Amino acid sequence: MNTYVALCAIGAEKILGNELKHLGYKLSNTAKTPGRVSFCGNEEAMYRTNYCLRTSDRVYIQIAEYKATNFDDLFAGCYNVNWQNYFYKDVRVVVDKVRIHNSSLNSEHSVQSMIQKAIYKKLGDVWHISVLPESGNTCDVRVYISNNTVQILLDTSGEALHKRGYRTDGGAAPLRETTAAVLLQEMLWKRKNPLHDPFCGSGTIVIEAALYAHNIAPGLGRNFAYEHFSFYDKAKALEIKKQEAEKIRTDVECRITGSDIDPNAIERARLNAEHACVAAGRALQLIGSDAKIIRPDFMISSYSELKAPYDYGTIITNPPYGERLGDSSQAQKLYTQMKSLFTDFPTWQIGVITCHEKFQECIGRKADVQKALKAGNLATNLYIYK
């Protein structure tokens, strides 16, 4: 069994943990670590989690964990890893990030250099090569040091998992796909409920809802870093991909829609949705199915022109804020006018994610639930009106 570490937005750890448990994996972290969830799994877990996790940004294999209070200990612990079991001889290894908390070793740059040196020293000694050619694929290593405990991780994902492969142009300040997936879970949205995004932009929330409703694993249409590992089992990866394709549901009726006042945004949203559904269709072809995924509907409309088409439903939206509108005052004006949604959708649950601190003041309503989420450097709040 291996130990894996999945990254997520800060505040989404519980949701990611539930995803992992649903996939059948046991969580192994004894204490809460912001933005990280550790779990145990066999080699198969590397393939399945990258295909299936909706709310994780990356999945790592934990290569080593040991105590180090000085650079000699740091070097020795890293050198003891059998790095030759993971890479081809032309590999280019990059220590892409170091994070240190409450430890004797406190220079991230020095730790980065020492770990890099230890890896290359071990590979050179085992392969009897004085200088590695570095002409092949790049493999990323990440290091966390907390309370003098070193954790060395190998990236299995490559590009961040929010890059599903269906969005070619997100428009201005797009919402991460993984964050959209978190919103759906925080809102406890079910596929039988109508869902609408009145500020859909490039369609991220709507498309993620469609993937969830049809049980389409979000990673079926992309590649991963593990394909460059020496122990990569192409047949096993394909077998798991087919297993996940078998789980796609094409028999469900969904009422998932999005609207935006910008015609260009709607055009992008439709194109992105098409890409997502085509990727799902290719996965279905692997198992000999020609079933089609019904595309979500998008329309050009101002939010103020909308009326609830059903007696109940859910609105989840990421309205424009200062960065997208040009300045904060425009955002405040929009948020003040958005209170009409409560009149036009009186029996619907409404969820709004924004980084604007005065959102509740502008809209004139205090949320029933407020949830802080931080993805990358952007700190946001989800306001839920039940």
Protein backbone atom coordinates (compact mmCIF):
# COMPACT_ATOMS: atom_id res chain seq x y z
CA MET A 1 0.00 0.00 0.00
CA ASN A 2 1.12 3.54 -0.77
CA THR A 3 0.41 6.80 0.97
CA TYR A 4 -0.99 9.49 -1.33
CA VAL A 5 -1.61 13.19 -0.77
CA ALA A 6 -4.38 15.02 -2.62
CA LEU A 7 -4.40 18.81 -2.73
CA CYS A 8 -7.53 20.95 -2.75
CA ALA A 9 -8.77 24.46 -2.05
CA ILE A 10 -8.38 25.47 1.58
CA GLY A 11 -11.78 24.87 3.12
CA ALA A 12 -12.64 21.93 0.83
CA GLU A 13 -10.76 19.23 2.77
CA LYS A 14 -13.89 17.55 4.15
CA ILE A 15 -15.52 17.34 0.73
CA LEU A 16 -12.36 15.91 -0.84
CA GLY A 17 -12.12 13.41 2.03
CA ASN A 18 -15.69 12.30 1.36
CA GLU A 19 -14.84 11.84 -2.32
CA LEU A 20 -11.89 9.64 -1.44
CA LYS A 21 -13.93 7.54 0.97
CA HIS A 22 -16.62 7.14 -1.70
CA LEU A 23 -13.93 5.75 -4.02
CA GLY A 24 -13.06 3.23 -1.30
CA TYR A 25 -9.86 4.75 0.11
CA LYS A 26 -9.01 5.14 3.77
CA LEU A 27 -7.94 8.58 4.96
CA SER A 28 -4.61 8.48 6.76
CA ASN A 29 -4.02 12.00 8.05
CA THR A 30 -4.44 12.22 11.81
CA ALA A 31 -4.63 16.00 11.91
CA LYS A 32 -6.26 18.51 9.63
CA THR A 33 -3.83 20.00 7.15
CA PRO A 34 -5.15 23.00 5.20
CA GLY A 35 -5.44 22.18 1.52
CA ARG A 36 -4.24 18.57 1.85
CA VAL A 37 -5.80 15.16 2.45
CA SER A 38 -3.69 12.01 2.86
CA PHE A 39 -5.02 8.56 2.06
CA CYS A 40 -3.87 4.97 1.56
CA GLY A 41 -4.21 3.00 -1.64
CA ASN A 42 -2.52 0.53 -3.95
CA GLU A 43 -0.95 1.41 -7.30
CA GLU A 44 -4.41 1.40 -8.87
CA ALA A 45 -5.33 4.41 -6.72
CA MET A 46 -2.91 6.57 -8.70
CA TYR A 47 -4.92 6.02 -11.87
CA ARG A 48 -8.42 6.07 -10.41
CA THR A 49 -8.07 9.22 -8.30
CA ASN A 50 -6.64 11.23 -11.18
CA TYR A 51 -9.52 10.13 -13.40
CA CYS A 52 -12.27 10.54 -10.82
CA LEU A 53 -11.61 13.24 -8.23
CA ARG A 54 -13.70 16.33 -8.89
CA THR A 55 -12.48 18.59 -6.06
CA SER A 56 -8.75 17.79 -5.95
CA ASP A 57 -6.11 19.96 -7.63
CA ARG A 58 -3.33 17.36 -7.66
CA VAL A 59 -2.54 13.85 -6.46
CA TYR A 60 0.93 12.94 -5.15
CA ILE A 61 2.59 9.70 -4.10
CA GLN A 62 4.39 10.08 -0.80
CA ILE A 63 7.91 8.85 -1.55
CA ALA A 64 9.41 9.35 1.89
CA GLU A 65 8.69 10.67 5.36
CA TYR A 66 11.45 11.11 7.93
CA LYS A 67 12.84 13.41 10.62
CA ALA A 68 15.47 16.00 9.75
CA THR A 69 16.86 18.79 11.90
CA ASN A 70 19.90 19.53 9.70
CA PHE A 71 20.94 19.31 6.06
CA ASP A 72 22.87 16.07 6.55
CA ASP A 73 19.68 14.36 7.74
CA LEU A 74 17.71 15.98 4.92
CA PHE A 75 20.18 14.73 2.29
CA ALA A 76 20.49 11.23 3.74
CA GLY A 77 16.74 10.67 3.99
CA CYS A 78 16.22 11.70 0.37
CA TYR A 79 19.24 9.73 -0.88
CA ASN A 80 17.87 6.58 0.77
CA VAL A 81 14.86 6.61 -1.57
CA ASN A 82 15.13 4.20 -4.49
CA TRP A 83 14.54 6.94 -7.04
CA GLN A 84 15.66 4.63 -9.86
CA ASN A 85 12.40 2.68 -9.42
CA TYR A 86 10.36 5.69 -10.52
CA PHE A 87 12.18 7.25 -13.46
CA TYR A 88 13.73 6.57 -16.84
CA LYS A 89 17.41 7.44 -17.33
CA ASP A 90 16.64 10.55 -19.39
CA VAL A 91 14.34 12.08 -16.74
CA ARG A 92 14.49 15.71 -15.73
CA VAL A 93 13.54 15.99 -12.05
CA VAL A 94 12.34 19.35 -10.75
CA VAL A 95 11.73 20.17 -7.09
CA ASP A 96 8.92 22.55 -7.92
CA LYS A 97 7.90 23.69 -4.45
CA VAL A 98 9.03 23.57 -0.80
CA ARG A 99 6.86 24.49 2.16
CA ILE A 100 8.25 24.73 5.71
CA HIS A 101 6.43 25.14 9.02
CA ASN A 102 7.89 25.28 12.51
CA SER A 103 11.13 23.47 11.67
CA SER A 104 14.89 23.82 12.20
CA LEU A 105 15.43 23.95 8.45
CA ASN A 106 13.85 27.23 7.41
CA SER A 107 15.33 28.13 4.02
CA GLU A 108 13.05 26.90 1.26
CA HIS A 109 15.66 27.60 -1.41
CA SER A 110 18.39 25.66 0.44
CA VAL A 111 16.06 22.71 1.04
CA GLN A 112 15.09 22.73 -2.63
CA SER A 113 18.74 22.61 -3.71
CA MET A 114 19.65 19.85 -1.23
CA ILE A 115 16.73 17.61 -2.25
CA GLN A 116 17.56 18.12 -5.92
CA LYS A 117 21.21 17.25 -5.25
CA ALA A 118 20.30 14.10 -3.28
CA ILE A 119 17.98 12.80 -6.02
CA TYR A 120 20.52 13.31 -8.78
CA LYS A 121 23.33 11.87 -6.66
CA LYS A 122 21.31 8.70 -6.02
CA LEU A 123 20.33 8.29 -9.69
CA GLY A 124 23.89 8.90 -10.83
CA ASP A 125 25.34 6.40 -8.37
CA VAL A 126 22.84 3.66 -9.25
CA TRP A 127 23.02 4.17 -13.01
CA HIS A 128 26.79 4.91 -13.01
CA ILE A 129 26.22 8.21 -14.78
CA SER A 130 28.16 11.31 -13.76
CA VAL A 131 25.77 13.71 -15.53
CA LEU A 132 22.14 12.85 -16.29
CA PRO A 133 21.13 13.83 -19.86
CA GLU A 134 17.78 15.37 -18.78
CA SER A 135 16.53 14.96 -22.34
CA GLY A 136 13.27 13.23 -21.41
CA ASN A 137 10.09 14.19 -19.62
CA THR A 138 9.96 16.38 -16.53
CA CYS A 139 8.82 14.87 -13.22
CA ASP A 140 7.96 17.20 -10.35
CA VAL A 141 8.77 16.64 -6.69
CA ARG A 142 7.31 18.63 -3.81
CA VAL A 143 8.62 18.88 -0.24
CA TYR A 144 6.74 19.70 2.96
CA ILE A 145 8.58 20.08 6.27
CA SER A 146 6.50 20.46 9.42
CA ASN A 147 7.81 20.12 12.98
CA ASN A 148 11.07 18.72 11.56
CA THR A 149 9.25 15.94 9.68
CA VAL A 150 10.09 15.85 5.97
CA GLN A 151 7.50 14.68 3.48
CA ILE A 152 8.71 14.10 -0.09
CA LEU A 153 5.97 13.83 -2.71
CA LEU A 154 6.01 12.87 -6.40
CA ASP A 155 3.41 14.55 -8.62
CA THR A 156 1.26 12.01 -10.47
CA SER A 157 -1.09 14.54 -12.10
CA GLY A 158 1.07 16.87 -14.17
CA GLU A 159 -1.12 19.78 -15.11
CA ALA A 160 -3.42 20.71 -12.24
CA LEU A 161 -6.57 18.58 -12.17
CA HIS A 162 -8.84 21.60 -12.59
CA LYS A 163 -7.61 21.61 -16.18
CA ARG A 164 -10.05 18.96 -17.36
CA GLY A 165 -9.23 19.58 -21.00
CA TYR A 166 -12.61 20.89 -22.13
CA ARG A 167 -11.99 24.62 -21.65
CA THR A 168 -9.87 26.21 -24.35
CA ASP A 169 -10.73 29.80 -23.44
CA GLY A 170 -12.15 30.63 -20.04
CA GLY A 171 -12.62 34.33 -20.59
CA ALA A 172 -11.74 36.84 -17.90
CA ALA A 173 -10.98 35.52 -14.37
CA PRO A 174 -12.58 32.09 -14.84
CA LEU A 175 -13.69 29.97 -11.92
CA ARG A 176 -11.62 26.82 -11.41
CA GLU A 177 -13.41 23.63 -12.37
CA THR A 178 -12.46 22.06 -9.04
CA THR A 179 -13.93 25.02 -7.17
CA ALA A 180 -17.17 24.69 -9.16
CA ALA A 181 -17.29 21.02 -8.14
CA VAL A 182 -16.85 22.04 -4.50
CA LEU A 183 -19.78 24.47 -4.80
CA LEU A 184 -22.07 21.70 -6.03
CA GLN A 185 -21.19 19.59 -3.00
CA GLU A 186 -21.45 22.46 -0.52
CA MET A 187 -24.93 23.22 -1.88
CA LEU A 188 -25.87 19.52 -1.57
CA TRP A 189 -27.14 19.68 -5.15
CA LYS A 190 -28.82 16.56 -6.56
CA ARG A 191 -29.23 15.77 -10.25
CA LYS A 192 -33.04 15.68 -10.01
CA ASN A 193 -33.11 19.38 -9.03
CA PRO A 194 -33.08 22.07 -11.72
CA LEU A 195 -29.88 24.12 -11.67
CA HIS A 196 -29.19 27.50 -13.22
CA ASP A 197 -26.20 29.85 -13.32
CA PRO A 198 -27.32 33.39 -14.29
CA PHE A 199 -23.72 34.62 -14.70
CA CYS A 200 -22.39 31.49 -16.38
CA GLY A 201 -19.44 33.05 -18.22
CA SER A 202 -17.54 30.19 -19.88
CA GLY A 203 -19.95 27.66 -18.37
CA THR A 204 -17.76 26.08 -15.69
CA ILE A 205 -20.43 25.57 -13.01
CA VAL A 206 -22.98 24.30 -15.53
CA ILE A 207 -20.53 21.89 -17.17
CA GLU A 208 -19.30 20.53 -13.83
CA ALA A 209 -22.94 19.98 -12.84
CA ALA A 210 -23.53 18.06 -16.07
CA LEU A 211 -20.45 15.88 -15.49
CA TYR A 212 -21.63 15.14 -11.95
CA ALA A 213 -25.22 14.46 -13.00
CA HIS A 214 -24.15 11.94 -15.64
CA ASN A 215 -21.47 10.44 -13.38
CA ILE A 216 -18.72 11.32 -15.86
CA ALA A 217 -15.26 11.11 -14.30
CA PRO A 218 -13.73 14.55 -14.99
CA GLY A 219 -10.28 13.27 -15.98
CA LEU A 220 -11.31 10.90 -18.76
CA GLY A 221 -10.30 13.34 -21.50
CA ARG A 222 -6.76 14.28 -20.45
CA ASN A 223 -3.25 12.97 -19.80
CA PHE A 224 -1.29 12.71 -16.55
CA ALA A 225 2.30 12.89 -15.27
CA TYR A 226 2.27 9.24 -14.20
CA GLU A 227 2.43 8.26 -17.87
CA HIS A 228 6.12 9.26 -17.72
CA PHE A 229 6.98 7.01 -14.75
CA SER A 230 8.99 3.86 -15.38
CA PHE A 231 6.40 1.75 -13.51
CA TYR A 232 3.44 3.14 -15.48
CA ASP A 233 1.12 0.29 -16.46
CA LYS A 234 -0.67 1.40 -19.61
CA ALA A 235 -2.93 -1.65 -19.69
CA LYS A 236 -4.00 -1.13 -16.08
CA ALA A 237 -4.70 2.56 -16.67
CA LEU A 238 -6.85 1.71 -19.70
CA GLU A 239 -8.69 -0.98 -17.73
CA ILE A 240 -9.57 1.53 -15.00
CA LYS A 241 -10.58 4.11 -17.59
CA LYS A 242 -12.99 1.58 -19.09
CA GLN A 243 -14.36 0.78 -15.64
CA GLU A 244 -15.12 4.46 -15.08
CA ALA A 245 -16.66 4.74 -18.57
CA GLU A 246 -19.04 1.92 -17.60
CA LYS A 247 -20.33 4.12 -14.76
CA ILE A 248 -21.40 6.99 -17.05
CA ARG A 249 -25.16 7.45 -16.95
CA THR A 250 -26.79 8.47 -20.19
CA ASP A 251 -30.31 7.66 -19.02
CA VAL A 252 -30.81 10.57 -16.62
CA GLU A 253 -32.87 13.65 -17.40
CA CYS A 254 -31.24 16.85 -16.18
CA ARG A 255 -32.43 20.44 -16.17
CA ILE A 256 -29.07 22.20 -16.09
CA THR A 257 -28.87 25.64 -17.68
CA GLY A 258 -26.78 28.78 -17.80
CA SER A 259 -27.24 32.32 -19.01
CA ASP A 260 -25.10 35.40 -19.50
CA ILE A 261 -25.65 38.83 -21.00
CA ASP A 262 -22.44 38.46 -23.06
CA PRO A 263 -23.00 36.59 -26.37
CA ASN A 264 -19.29 35.76 -26.59
CA ALA A 265 -19.41 34.13 -23.16
CA ILE A 266 -22.36 31.98 -24.21
CA GLU A 267 -20.53 30.92 -27.36
CA ARG A 268 -17.50 29.88 -25.26
CA ALA A 269 -19.75 28.04 -22.78
CA ARG A 270 -21.42 26.04 -25.54
CA LEU A 271 -18.05 25.17 -27.08
CA ASN A 272 -16.62 24.10 -23.71
CA ALA A 273 -19.68 21.96 -22.99
CA GLU A 274 -19.33 20.35 -26.40
CA HIS A 275 -15.69 19.50 -25.69
CA ALA A 276 -16.62 17.96 -22.33
CA CYS A 277 -19.38 15.84 -23.83
CA VAL A 278 -17.23 14.73 -26.76
CA ALA A 279 -14.54 13.56 -24.29
CA ALA A 280 -17.20 11.57 -22.44
CA GLY A 281 -18.38 10.13 -25.76
CA ARG A 282 -14.85 8.94 -26.57
CA ALA A 283 -14.69 7.21 -23.19
CA LEU A 284 -17.99 5.49 -23.95
CA GLN A 285 -16.59 4.31 -27.29
CA LEU A 286 -13.87 2.45 -25.36
CA ILE A 287 -16.59 0.15 -24.02
CA GLY A 288 -18.41 -0.12 -27.35
CA SER A 289 -21.17 2.36 -26.55
CA ASP A 290 -22.43 5.01 -28.96
CA ALA A 291 -24.72 6.62 -26.35
CA LYS A 292 -24.81 10.41 -26.32
CA ILE A 293 -24.62 12.89 -23.46
CA ILE A 294 -27.31 15.57 -23.65
CA ARG A 295 -25.64 18.98 -23.72
CA PRO A 296 -26.65 21.56 -21.10
CA ASP A 297 -28.59 24.59 -22.36
CA PHE A 298 -27.14 28.10 -22.51
CA MET A 299 -28.94 31.32 -23.39
CA ILE A 300 -28.14 35.00 -23.81
CA SER A 301 -29.98 36.88 -21.08
CA SER A 302 -29.51 39.39 -18.30
CA TYR A 303 -30.12 37.96 -14.83
CA SER A 304 -32.81 40.62 -14.35
CA GLU A 305 -34.89 39.16 -17.21
CA LEU A 306 -35.03 35.67 -15.71
CA LYS A 307 -37.99 34.08 -13.95
CA ALA A 308 -38.08 30.74 -12.15
CA PRO A 309 -39.12 28.09 -14.71
CA TYR A 310 -39.86 25.52 -11.97
CA ASP A 311 -41.32 25.59 -8.48
CA TYR A 312 -38.01 24.61 -6.97
CA GLY A 313 -34.37 24.52 -7.97
CA THR A 314 -30.87 25.74 -7.24
CA ILE A 315 -28.96 28.79 -8.40
CA ILE A 316 -25.18 28.57 -8.12
CA THR A 317 -23.23 31.46 -9.54
CA ASN A 318 -19.95 33.35 -9.57
CA PRO A 319 -21.04 36.90 -10.44
CA PRO A 320 -18.56 39.43 -11.83
CA TYR A 321 -16.51 41.22 -9.21
CA GLY A 322 -13.97 44.07 -9.25
CA GLU A 323 -11.33 42.30 -11.33
CA ARG A 324 -13.84 41.33 -14.02
CA LEU A 325 -15.96 44.49 -14.03
CA GLY A 326 -13.13 46.98 -13.88
CA ASP A 327 -13.57 48.35 -10.37
CA SER A 328 -15.11 47.48 -7.01
CA SER A 329 -17.85 50.12 -7.19
CA GLN A 330 -19.33 48.50 -10.29
CA ALA A 331 -19.36 45.18 -8.48
CA GLN A 332 -21.16 46.70 -5.51
CA LYS A 333 -23.78 48.21 -7.81
CA LEU A 334 -24.35 44.82 -9.47
CA TYR A 335 -24.64 43.04 -6.13
CA THR A 336 -27.20 45.56 -4.93
CA GLN A 337 -29.30 44.96 -8.04
CA MET A 338 -28.93 41.18 -7.70
CA LYS A 339 -31.43 41.13 -4.84
CA SER A 340 -34.06 40.75 -7.57
CA LEU A 341 -33.05 37.09 -7.82
CA PHE A 342 -34.76 36.46 -4.49
CA THR A 343 -37.98 37.90 -5.90
CA ASP A 344 -37.75 36.14 -9.27
CA PHE A 345 -36.71 32.79 -7.75
CA PRO A 346 -38.56 32.92 -4.42
CA THR A 347 -38.54 29.17 -3.69
CA TRP A 348 -35.08 28.38 -5.04
CA GLN A 349 -31.91 27.80 -3.05
CA ILE A 350 -29.28 30.37 -4.03
CA GLY A 351 -25.51 30.08 -3.69
CA VAL A 352 -23.11 32.88 -4.59
CA ILE A 353 -19.31 32.74 -4.51
CA THR A 354 -17.40 36.01 -4.47
CA CYS A 355 -14.28 37.62 -3.05
CA HIS A 356 -16.10 40.90 -2.39
CA GLU A 357 -16.20 41.56 1.37
CA LYS A 358 -19.37 43.64 1.25
CA PHE A 359 -21.51 41.21 -0.72
CA GLN A 360 -24.07 40.56 2.04
CA GLU A 361 -24.31 44.27 2.79
CA CYS A 362 -24.91 45.06 -0.88
CA ILE A 363 -27.51 42.37 -1.45
CA GLY A 364 -29.25 43.23 1.80
CA ARG A 365 -29.49 39.67 3.11
CA LYS A 366 -27.46 37.67 5.54
CA ALA A 367 -26.65 34.19 4.26
CA ASP A 368 -27.92 31.11 6.06
CA VAL A 369 -24.49 29.53 5.56
CA GLN A 370 -21.16 31.19 4.82
CA LYS A 371 -18.17 29.10 3.77
CA ALA A 372 -14.62 30.37 3.18
CA LEU A 373 -12.70 28.84 0.26
CA LYS A 374 -9.21 29.70 -0.94
CA ALA A 375 -8.02 28.36 -4.29
CA GLY A 376 -4.55 29.54 -5.27
CA ASN A 377 -4.13 33.10 -4.04
CA LEU A 378 -7.82 34.00 -4.33
CA ALA A 379 -9.73 34.02 -1.04
CA THR A 380 -13.49 33.76 -1.58
CA ASN A 381 -16.68 33.15 0.36
CA LEU A 382 -19.65 31.02 -0.62
CA TYR A 383 -22.94 32.52 0.60
CA ILE A 384 -25.81 30.04 0.74
CA TYR A 385 -29.43 31.19 1.00
CA LYS A 386 -31.65 28.19 1.69
